[in-house]
């Protein structure tokens, strides 16, 4: 289930984590996410192998997993009321991130770039109305829905009805598309203000709110973590 979830996740935070080629960077970014997102349950990762601690009453247990060549495995320690199933899910996600990082290190061009249309293909819905609308947004940018309908050769009301049948809106697809486009540009030298303007946000504050809401991290933090992965000390 974790593999399926992460294979189709377009959260900018996951796009960041899945781009790393060093496991140590995953640990730093995961901790930064936990702090920035202000989660009710705070989980921290250390550098001495995975460990799980149950802190509910007198129950205490731990699990260790093998580290890696860089000594950057990680220790998970939950603070507060954290159900065991939640803790297991966190461990599964982090372990999958580590496997992705090791795979990225073997790829000539690093991690593959994800888009709404590649996600639709994985889900087997690449021929759907939502996937076709997403493709228009990815190729044409932040177009109004009327222009999207013209591009697809149909009436706006027909397109909106088809999207409602799929329980999604054009605005949701537009927002997801520009978040992904902006995410991919955070590793560039373009200013955040320029990226926000180019990708259809009203201003930098608008883009920051969108990133914070969707990923728990502002674009400035994601950019900082990306550069950490690109320029390890």
Protein backbone atom coordinates (compact mmCIF):
# COMPACT_ATOMS: atom_id res chain seq x y z
CA UNK A 1 0.00 0.00 0.00
CA UNK A 2 2.85 2.39 0.79
CA UNK A 3 4.51 1.67 -2.55
CA UNK A 4 1.24 2.32 -4.40
CA UNK A 5 0.67 5.52 -2.42
CA UNK A 6 4.13 6.93 -3.06
CA UNK A 7 4.09 5.89 -6.73
CA UNK A 8 1.14 8.24 -7.32
CA UNK A 9 1.83 10.99 -4.77
CA UNK A 10 2.30 14.48 -6.25
CA UNK A 11 2.91 16.23 -2.93
CA UNK A 12 5.81 18.71 -3.45
CA UNK A 13 7.37 17.39 -0.26
CA UNK A 14 7.49 13.85 -1.63
CA UNK A 15 8.77 15.12 -4.97
CA UNK A 16 11.62 16.61 -2.94
CA UNK A 17 12.33 13.45 -0.95
CA UNK A 18 12.15 11.23 -4.01
CA UNK A 19 14.77 13.33 -5.81
CA UNK A 20 17.62 12.68 -3.38
CA UNK A 21 20.57 10.42 -4.09
CA UNK A 22 21.92 10.29 -0.52
CA UNK A 23 20.06 8.71 2.38
CA UNK A 24 21.42 11.29 4.82
CA UNK A 25 19.54 14.01 2.89
CA UNK A 26 16.28 12.10 3.34
CA UNK A 27 16.76 12.20 7.11
CA UNK A 28 17.44 15.94 7.14
CA UNK A 29 14.45 16.69 4.90
CA UNK A 30 12.12 14.40 6.83
CA UNK A 31 12.99 16.11 10.11
CA UNK A 32 12.58 19.54 8.49
CA UNK A 33 9.14 18.52 7.22
CA UNK A 34 8.03 17.33 10.65
CA UNK A 35 9.07 20.62 12.22
CA UNK A 36 7.62 22.82 9.48
CA UNK A 37 4.28 20.99 9.19
CA UNK A 38 3.66 21.30 12.95
CA UNK A 39 2.19 17.82 13.14
CA UNK A 40 0.33 16.69 16.20
CA UNK A 41 2.73 13.75 16.49
CA UNK A 42 6.36 14.74 16.09
CA UNK A 43 8.69 12.09 14.69
CA UNK A 44 12.42 12.61 14.48
CA UNK A 45 15.10 10.68 12.62
CA UNK A 46 18.62 10.16 13.89
CA UNK A 47 21.66 8.42 12.45
CA UNK A 48 21.96 5.15 14.35
CA UNK A 49 19.64 2.77 12.51
CA UNK A 50 15.87 2.62 12.43
CA UNK A 51 14.21 2.27 15.82
CA UNK A 52 10.62 2.32 16.90
CA UNK A 53 9.57 3.14 20.44
CA UNK A 54 6.08 2.73 21.82
CA UNK A 55 5.56 5.39 24.45
CA UNK A 56 2.01 4.55 25.53
CA UNK A 57 1.99 3.68 29.23
CA UNK A 58 4.34 0.87 30.16
CA UNK A 59 4.55 -0.58 26.63
CA UNK A 60 7.99 -0.14 25.14
CA UNK A 61 9.50 -1.94 22.22
CA UNK A 62 12.03 -1.19 19.53
CA UNK A 63 13.00 -2.44 16.13
CA UNK A 64 16.37 -1.98 14.49
CA UNK A 65 17.15 -2.32 10.83
CA UNK A 66 20.49 -2.51 9.11
CA UNK A 67 22.14 0.77 8.27
CA UNK A 68 23.90 1.68 5.03
CA UNK A 69 27.38 2.39 3.85
CA UNK A 70 27.13 6.08 4.78
CA UNK A 71 25.92 5.39 8.30
CA UNK A 72 22.75 7.37 7.58
CA UNK A 73 20.02 4.86 8.33
CA UNK A 74 17.90 6.63 10.93
CA UNK A 75 16.19 6.31 14.28
CA UNK A 76 12.48 6.92 14.61
CA UNK A 77 11.24 8.10 17.98
CA UNK A 78 7.64 9.09 18.50
CA UNK A 79 6.66 11.61 21.14
CA UNK A 80 3.15 11.75 22.54
CA UNK A 81 0.07 9.77 21.61
CA UNK A 82 1.04 7.94 18.43
CA UNK A 83 -0.92 4.77 17.53
CA UNK A 84 1.24 1.82 16.59
CA UNK A 85 -0.30 1.64 13.12
CA UNK A 86 0.65 5.28 12.49
CA UNK A 87 4.19 4.56 13.62
CA UNK A 88 4.43 1.53 11.35
CA UNK A 89 3.19 3.59 8.43
CA UNK A 90 5.83 6.23 9.06
CA UNK A 91 8.55 3.60 9.14
CA UNK A 92 7.28 2.04 5.92
CA UNK A 93 7.28 5.41 4.16
CA UNK A 94 10.80 6.29 5.30
CA UNK A 95 12.14 2.87 4.34
CA UNK A 96 10.57 3.26 0.89
CA UNK A 97 12.19 6.69 0.60
CA UNK A 98 15.54 5.12 1.38
CA UNK A 99 15.07 2.50 -1.33
CA UNK A 100 14.11 5.23 -3.79
CA UNK A 101 17.24 7.16 -2.85
CA UNK A 102 19.45 4.14 -3.45
CA UNK A 103 17.77 3.61 -6.84
CA UNK A 104 18.26 7.29 -7.76
CA UNK A 105 21.98 6.97 -7.04
CA UNK A 106 22.15 4.29 -9.75
CA UNK A 107 20.26 6.26 -12.40
CA UNK A 108 22.36 8.30 -14.86
CA UNK A 109 20.05 11.33 -14.64
CA UNK A 110 18.88 10.91 -11.06
CA UNK A 111 15.20 10.71 -10.17
CA UNK A 112 12.48 10.77 -12.79
CA UNK A 113 10.30 13.88 -12.94
CA UNK A 114 6.68 13.25 -12.04
CA UNK A 115 3.66 14.94 -13.57
CA UNK A 116 -0.10 14.60 -13.42
CA UNK A 117 -0.15 12.74 -16.73
CA UNK A 118 2.51 10.23 -15.69
CA UNK A 119 0.55 9.67 -12.48
CA UNK A 120 -2.64 9.15 -14.53
CA UNK A 121 -0.82 6.56 -16.63
CA UNK A 122 0.24 4.66 -13.49
CA UNK A 123 -3.39 4.70 -12.30
CA UNK A 124 -4.62 3.51 -15.69
CA UNK A 125 -6.76 6.61 -16.29
CA UNK A 126 -4.62 8.37 -18.88
CA UNK A 127 -7.59 8.43 -21.29
CA UNK A 128 -9.93 10.14 -18.82
CA UNK A 129 -11.24 13.70 -19.03
CA UNK A 130 -9.18 14.65 -15.96
CA UNK A 131 -5.98 13.33 -17.55
CA UNK A 132 -6.68 15.21 -20.78
CA UNK A 133 -7.29 18.44 -18.86
CA UNK A 134 -4.08 17.88 -16.88
CA UNK A 135 -2.14 17.43 -20.12
CA UNK A 136 -3.43 20.77 -21.42
CA UNK A 137 -2.40 22.52 -18.20
CA UNK A 138 1.05 20.90 -18.29
CA UNK A 139 1.67 21.94 -21.87
CA UNK A 140 -0.13 25.29 -21.91
CA UNK A 141 0.22 26.60 -18.39
CA UNK A 142 -2.51 28.26 -16.33
CA UNK A 143 -5.31 28.49 -18.91
CA UNK A 144 -8.93 29.35 -18.09
CA UNK A 145 -11.34 26.41 -18.31
CA UNK A 146 -12.98 27.87 -21.45
CA UNK A 147 -9.63 27.75 -23.26
CA UNK A 148 -9.03 24.19 -22.04
CA UNK A 149 -12.41 23.13 -23.44
CA UNK A 150 -11.54 24.69 -26.81
CA UNK A 151 -8.21 22.88 -26.82
CA UNK A 152 -10.06 19.60 -26.26
CA UNK A 153 -12.75 20.39 -28.82
CA UNK A 154 -15.75 20.33 -26.50
CA UNK A 155 -18.12 22.69 -24.74
CA UNK A 156 -17.11 24.06 -21.34
CA UNK A 157 -20.26 22.74 -19.67
CA UNK A 158 -19.66 19.28 -21.11
CA UNK A 159 -16.11 19.26 -19.82
CA UNK A 160 -17.15 20.50 -16.37
CA UNK A 161 -19.83 17.79 -16.20
CA UNK A 162 -17.33 15.08 -17.10
CA UNK A 163 -14.97 16.32 -14.39
CA UNK A 164 -17.76 16.40 -11.81
CA UNK A 165 -18.53 12.78 -12.67
CA UNK A 166 -14.91 12.02 -11.73
CA UNK A 167 -15.32 14.04 -8.50
CA UNK A 168 -12.71 16.62 -9.47
CA UNK A 169 -12.65 20.18 -10.77
CA UNK A 170 -10.58 21.98 -13.36
CA UNK A 171 -9.34 24.36 -10.67
CA UNK A 172 -8.03 21.46 -8.59
CA UNK A 173 -6.15 20.12 -11.62
CA UNK A 174 -4.81 23.59 -12.43
CA UNK A 175 -3.59 24.03 -8.87
CA UNK A 176 -1.93 20.61 -8.80
CA UNK A 177 -0.31 21.22 -12.17
CA UNK A 178 1.19 24.58 -11.23
CA UNK A 179 2.39 23.22 -7.90
CA UNK A 180 4.26 20.45 -9.71
CA UNK A 181 5.65 22.84 -12.33
CA UNK A 182 6.79 25.21 -9.59
CA UNK A 183 8.28 22.31 -7.60
CA UNK A 184 10.42 21.25 -10.54
CA UNK A 185 11.73 24.82 -10.90
CA UNK A 186 12.82 25.21 -7.29
CA UNK A 187 16.19 23.66 -8.14
CA UNK A 188 16.82 26.40 -10.73
CA UNK A 189 18.38 29.82 -10.17
CA UNK A 190 15.07 31.60 -10.83
CA UNK A 191 13.77 33.67 -7.96
CA UNK A 192 10.75 32.38 -6.07
CA UNK A 193 8.85 35.52 -7.09
CA UNK A 194 9.56 34.81 -10.77
CA UNK A 195 8.46 31.19 -10.40
CA UNK A 196 5.24 32.26 -8.69
CA UNK A 197 4.48 34.75 -11.47
CA UNK A 198 5.34 32.36 -14.31
CA UNK A 199 3.31 29.47 -12.91
CA UNK A 200 0.07 31.40 -12.41
CA UNK A 201 0.11 32.30 -8.72
CA UNK A 202 -1.08 35.81 -7.88
CA UNK A 203 2.14 36.49 -5.94
CA UNK A 204 4.81 34.79 -3.84
CA UNK A 205 2.59 34.77 -0.76
CA UNK A 206 -0.08 32.88 -2.73
CA UNK A 207 2.46 30.27 -3.85
CA UNK A 208 3.84 29.97 -0.33
CA UNK A 209 0.37 29.31 1.09
CA UNK A 210 -0.28 26.70 -1.60
CA UNK A 211 2.98 24.86 -0.85
CA UNK A 212 2.45 25.04 2.90
CA UNK A 213 -1.08 23.68 2.55
CA UNK A 214 -0.19 20.86 0.16
CA UNK A 215 3.16 19.74 1.54
CA UNK A 216 3.59 21.25 5.01
CA UNK A 217 6.64 23.19 3.82
CA UNK A 218 7.07 26.62 2.18
CA UNK A 219 8.89 26.70 -1.18
CA UNK A 220 11.86 28.46 0.42
CA UNK A 221 12.47 25.47 2.71
CA UNK A 222 12.04 22.97 -0.12
CA UNK A 223 14.55 24.94 -2.22
CA UNK A 224 17.01 24.98 0.68
CA UNK A 225 16.72 21.21 1.11
CA UNK A 226 17.05 20.61 -2.62
CA UNK A 227 20.30 22.54 -2.67
CA UNK A 228 21.50 20.53 0.31
CA UNK A 229 21.03 17.38 -1.74
CA UNK A 230 22.74 18.91 -4.78
CA UNK A 231 25.72 20.26 -2.83
CA UNK A 232 26.47 17.88 0.04
CA UNK A 233 29.13 19.20 2.40
